[in-house]
Amino acid sequence: MSPDWDGLPDDLQLVLAREAMRRAAETIACQAEALAGEIEVGGLADRGGPEALRLLAAVVRLSARDTLVPCGSA
């Protein structure tokens, strides 16, 4: 039987949540780069998107680094 999320220690919940966010950020960044590549090879109409998508990928990766302090409050 797998443990319930609420039954996990807080530090483990934090580690798992951070890893999930890191993976989600990397997935978004990879998809943005793949879409930029499709635009460049003519698979999709170019409306100025490739560089914007690469910028999005860089920003997502930068914000996913553990060295940055989370902002806001919950």
N, C-alpha and C. Protein backbone atom coordinates (compact mmCIF):
# COMPACT_ATOMS: atom_id res chain seq x y z
N MET A 1 0.84 -1.18 0.00
CA MET A 1 0.00 0.00 0.00
C MET A 1 0.90 1.25 0.00
N SER A 2 0.63 2.18 -0.89
CA SER A 2 1.46 3.39 -0.97
C SER A 2 1.00 4.41 0.07
N PRO A 3 1.97 5.18 0.58
CA PRO A 3 1.61 6.16 1.63
C PRO A 3 0.79 7.31 1.05
N ASP A 4 -0.06 7.85 1.87
CA ASP A 4 -0.86 9.02 1.53
C ASP A 4 0.05 10.26 1.61
N TRP A 5 -0.18 11.24 0.76
CA TRP A 5 0.63 12.46 0.74
C TRP A 5 0.68 13.10 2.13
N ASP A 6 -0.46 13.20 2.79
CA ASP A 6 -0.50 13.83 4.10
C ASP A 6 0.25 13.03 5.16
N GLY A 7 0.47 11.76 4.89
CA GLY A 7 1.20 10.93 5.84
C GLY A 7 2.71 11.05 5.70
N LEU A 8 3.17 11.68 4.63
CA LEU A 8 4.61 11.86 4.42
C LEU A 8 5.14 12.98 5.29
N PRO A 9 6.37 12.87 5.75
CA PRO A 9 6.97 13.97 6.52
C PRO A 9 7.05 15.24 5.67
N ASP A 10 6.96 16.39 6.32
CA ASP A 10 6.98 17.67 5.61
C ASP A 10 8.22 17.84 4.74
N ASP A 11 9.39 17.44 5.24
CA ASP A 11 10.60 17.61 4.45
C ASP A 11 10.57 16.75 3.19
N LEU A 12 9.99 15.57 3.26
CA LEU A 12 9.87 14.72 2.08
C LEU A 12 8.85 15.29 1.10
N GLN A 13 7.75 15.84 1.61
CA GLN A 13 6.78 16.50 0.75
C GLN A 13 7.43 17.64 -0.01
N LEU A 14 8.25 18.42 0.67
CA LEU A 14 8.94 19.55 0.05
C LEU A 14 9.89 19.08 -1.05
N VAL A 15 10.66 18.04 -0.77
CA VAL A 15 11.59 17.50 -1.76
C VAL A 15 10.83 17.00 -3.00
N LEU A 16 9.76 16.26 -2.77
CA LEU A 16 8.97 15.73 -3.89
C LEU A 16 8.30 16.85 -4.68
N ALA A 17 7.79 17.85 -4.00
CA ALA A 17 7.14 18.97 -4.69
C ALA A 17 8.15 19.75 -5.52
N ARG A 18 9.33 19.98 -4.97
CA ARG A 18 10.37 20.70 -5.72
C ARG A 18 10.80 19.92 -6.95
N GLU A 19 10.96 18.62 -6.81
CA GLU A 19 11.36 17.80 -7.96
C GLU A 19 10.27 17.79 -9.02
N ALA A 20 9.01 17.72 -8.59
CA ALA A 20 7.90 17.76 -9.55
C ALA A 20 7.90 19.10 -10.30
N MET A 21 8.13 20.19 -9.60
CA MET A 21 8.17 21.51 -10.25
C MET A 21 9.36 21.62 -11.18
N ARG A 22 10.50 21.05 -10.78
CA ARG A 22 11.68 21.09 -11.65
C ARG A 22 11.42 20.32 -12.94
N ARG A 23 10.82 19.17 -12.80
CA ARG A 23 10.51 18.36 -13.99
C ARG A 23 9.48 19.04 -14.87
N ALA A 24 8.49 19.66 -14.26
CA ALA A 24 7.48 20.38 -15.04
C ALA A 24 8.11 21.55 -15.79
N ALA A 25 8.99 22.28 -15.13
CA ALA A 25 9.67 23.40 -15.78
C ALA A 25 10.52 22.91 -16.95
N GLU A 26 11.23 21.82 -16.77
CA GLU A 26 12.06 21.28 -17.85
C GLU A 26 11.19 20.80 -19.01
N THR A 27 10.05 20.20 -18.72
CA THR A 27 9.12 19.77 -19.77
C THR A 27 8.62 20.96 -20.57
N ILE A 28 8.22 22.03 -19.89
CA ILE A 28 7.75 23.23 -20.57
C ILE A 28 8.85 23.82 -21.43
N ALA A 29 10.07 23.90 -20.88
CA ALA A 29 11.19 24.46 -21.63
C ALA A 29 11.50 23.62 -22.88
N CYS A 30 11.49 22.32 -22.74
CA CYS A 30 11.76 21.44 -23.88
C CYS A 30 10.68 21.56 -24.95
N GLN A 31 9.43 21.67 -24.53
CA GLN A 31 8.35 21.84 -25.49
C GLN A 31 8.46 23.17 -26.22
N ALA A 32 8.84 24.23 -25.51
CA ALA A 32 9.02 25.53 -26.15
C ALA A 32 10.14 25.47 -27.19
N GLU A 33 11.24 24.80 -26.86
CA GLU A 33 12.34 24.67 -27.82
C GLU A 33 11.94 23.81 -29.02
N ALA A 34 11.20 22.75 -28.78
CA ALA A 34 10.74 21.90 -29.89
C ALA A 34 9.81 22.68 -30.81
N LEU A 35 8.93 23.48 -30.25
CA LEU A 35 8.02 24.29 -31.04
C LEU A 35 8.80 25.33 -31.85
N ALA A 36 9.81 25.94 -31.24
CA ALA A 36 10.66 26.89 -31.96
C ALA A 36 11.35 26.21 -33.14
N GLY A 37 11.82 25.00 -32.93
CA GLY A 37 12.45 24.25 -34.02
C GLY A 37 11.48 23.95 -35.15
N GLU A 38 10.26 23.58 -34.81
CA GLU A 38 9.23 23.33 -35.83
C GLU A 38 8.96 24.56 -36.67
N ILE A 39 8.91 25.71 -36.01
CA ILE A 39 8.69 26.96 -36.73
C ILE A 39 9.85 27.24 -37.68
N GLU A 40 11.07 27.02 -37.20
CA GLU A 40 12.26 27.30 -38.02
C GLU A 40 12.35 26.41 -39.25
N VAL A 41 11.92 25.16 -39.16
CA VAL A 41 12.01 24.26 -40.32
C VAL A 41 10.77 24.35 -41.21
N GLY A 42 9.84 25.22 -40.85
CA GLY A 42 8.68 25.43 -41.69
C GLY A 42 7.47 24.57 -41.38
N GLY A 43 7.52 23.83 -40.32
CA GLY A 43 6.39 22.98 -39.93
C GLY A 43 5.20 23.78 -39.45
N LEU A 44 5.46 24.97 -38.94
CA LEU A 44 4.41 25.88 -38.47
C LEU A 44 4.72 27.27 -39.01
N ALA A 45 3.70 28.09 -39.16
CA ALA A 45 3.89 29.45 -39.65
C ALA A 45 4.71 30.25 -38.64
N ASP A 46 5.68 31.01 -39.16
CA ASP A 46 6.53 31.84 -38.31
C ASP A 46 5.88 33.20 -38.12
N ARG A 47 5.52 33.46 -36.89
CA ARG A 47 4.94 34.77 -36.54
C ARG A 47 5.81 35.42 -35.47
N GLY A 48 7.12 35.21 -35.58
CA GLY A 48 8.04 35.78 -34.61
C GLY A 48 8.21 34.94 -33.37
N GLY A 49 7.82 33.69 -33.44
CA GLY A 49 7.78 32.85 -32.26
C GLY A 49 9.06 32.19 -31.80
N PRO A 50 9.97 31.76 -32.69
CA PRO A 50 11.11 30.98 -32.22
C PRO A 50 11.93 31.64 -31.12
N GLU A 51 12.27 32.89 -31.29
CA GLU A 51 13.09 33.55 -30.26
C GLU A 51 12.30 33.77 -28.98
N ALA A 52 11.02 34.07 -29.11
CA ALA A 52 10.19 34.23 -27.92
C ALA A 52 10.09 32.92 -27.16
N LEU A 53 9.95 31.81 -27.88
CA LEU A 53 9.87 30.51 -27.23
C LEU A 53 11.18 30.14 -26.56
N ARG A 54 12.29 30.47 -27.19
CA ARG A 54 13.59 30.19 -26.56
C ARG A 54 13.77 31.05 -25.31
N LEU A 55 13.29 32.28 -25.36
CA LEU A 55 13.33 33.14 -24.17
C LEU A 55 12.48 32.53 -23.07
N LEU A 56 11.29 32.06 -23.41
CA LEU A 56 10.43 31.40 -22.43
C LEU A 56 11.15 30.20 -21.82
N ALA A 57 11.78 29.39 -22.66
CA ALA A 57 12.51 28.22 -22.16
C ALA A 57 13.60 28.63 -21.18
N ALA A 58 14.34 29.68 -21.51
CA ALA A 58 15.41 30.14 -20.63
C ALA A 58 14.86 30.67 -19.31
N VAL A 59 13.78 31.43 -19.37
CA VAL A 59 13.19 31.98 -18.15
C VAL A 59 12.65 30.86 -17.26
N VAL A 60 11.98 29.88 -17.87
CA VAL A 60 11.43 28.76 -17.08
C VAL A 60 12.57 28.00 -16.41
N ARG A 61 13.63 27.73 -17.16
CA ARG A 61 14.77 27.00 -16.57
C ARG A 61 15.43 27.82 -15.46
N LEU A 62 15.58 29.11 -15.68
CA LEU A 62 16.20 29.97 -14.67
C LEU A 62 15.36 29.99 -13.39
N SER A 63 14.06 30.10 -13.55
CA SER A 63 13.20 30.17 -12.36
C SER A 63 13.09 28.83 -11.65
N ALA A 64 13.47 27.75 -12.31
CA ALA A 64 13.39 26.42 -11.70
C ALA A 64 14.64 26.07 -10.90
N ARG A 65 15.65 26.90 -10.96
CA ARG A 65 16.88 26.62 -10.22
C ARG A 65 16.63 26.67 -8.72
N ASP A 66 17.28 25.79 -8.01
CA ASP A 66 17.12 25.75 -6.55
C ASP A 66 17.77 26.94 -5.86
N THR A 67 18.65 27.66 -6.57
CA THR A 67 19.34 28.77 -5.92
C THR A 67 18.45 29.98 -5.74
N LEU A 68 17.34 30.04 -6.46
CA LEU A 68 16.45 31.18 -6.32
C LEU A 68 15.49 30.94 -5.15
N VAL A 69 15.21 31.99 -4.45
CA VAL A 69 14.30 31.92 -3.32
C VAL A 69 12.88 32.08 -3.84
N PRO A 70 11.97 31.23 -3.41
CA PRO A 70 10.57 31.39 -3.85
C PRO A 70 10.03 32.74 -3.40
N CYS A 71 9.23 33.35 -4.26
CA CYS A 71 8.64 34.63 -3.90
C CYS A 71 7.15 34.44 -3.62
N GLY A 72 6.60 35.37 -2.89
CA GLY A 72 5.19 35.29 -2.55
C GLY A 72 4.99 34.51 -1.26
N SER A 73 3.73 34.32 -0.95
CA SER A 73 3.41 33.55 0.25
C SER A 73 2.13 32.78 0.04
N ALA A 74 1.97 31.74 0.79
CA ALA A 74 0.77 30.91 0.66
C ALA A 74 0.11 30.75 2.01
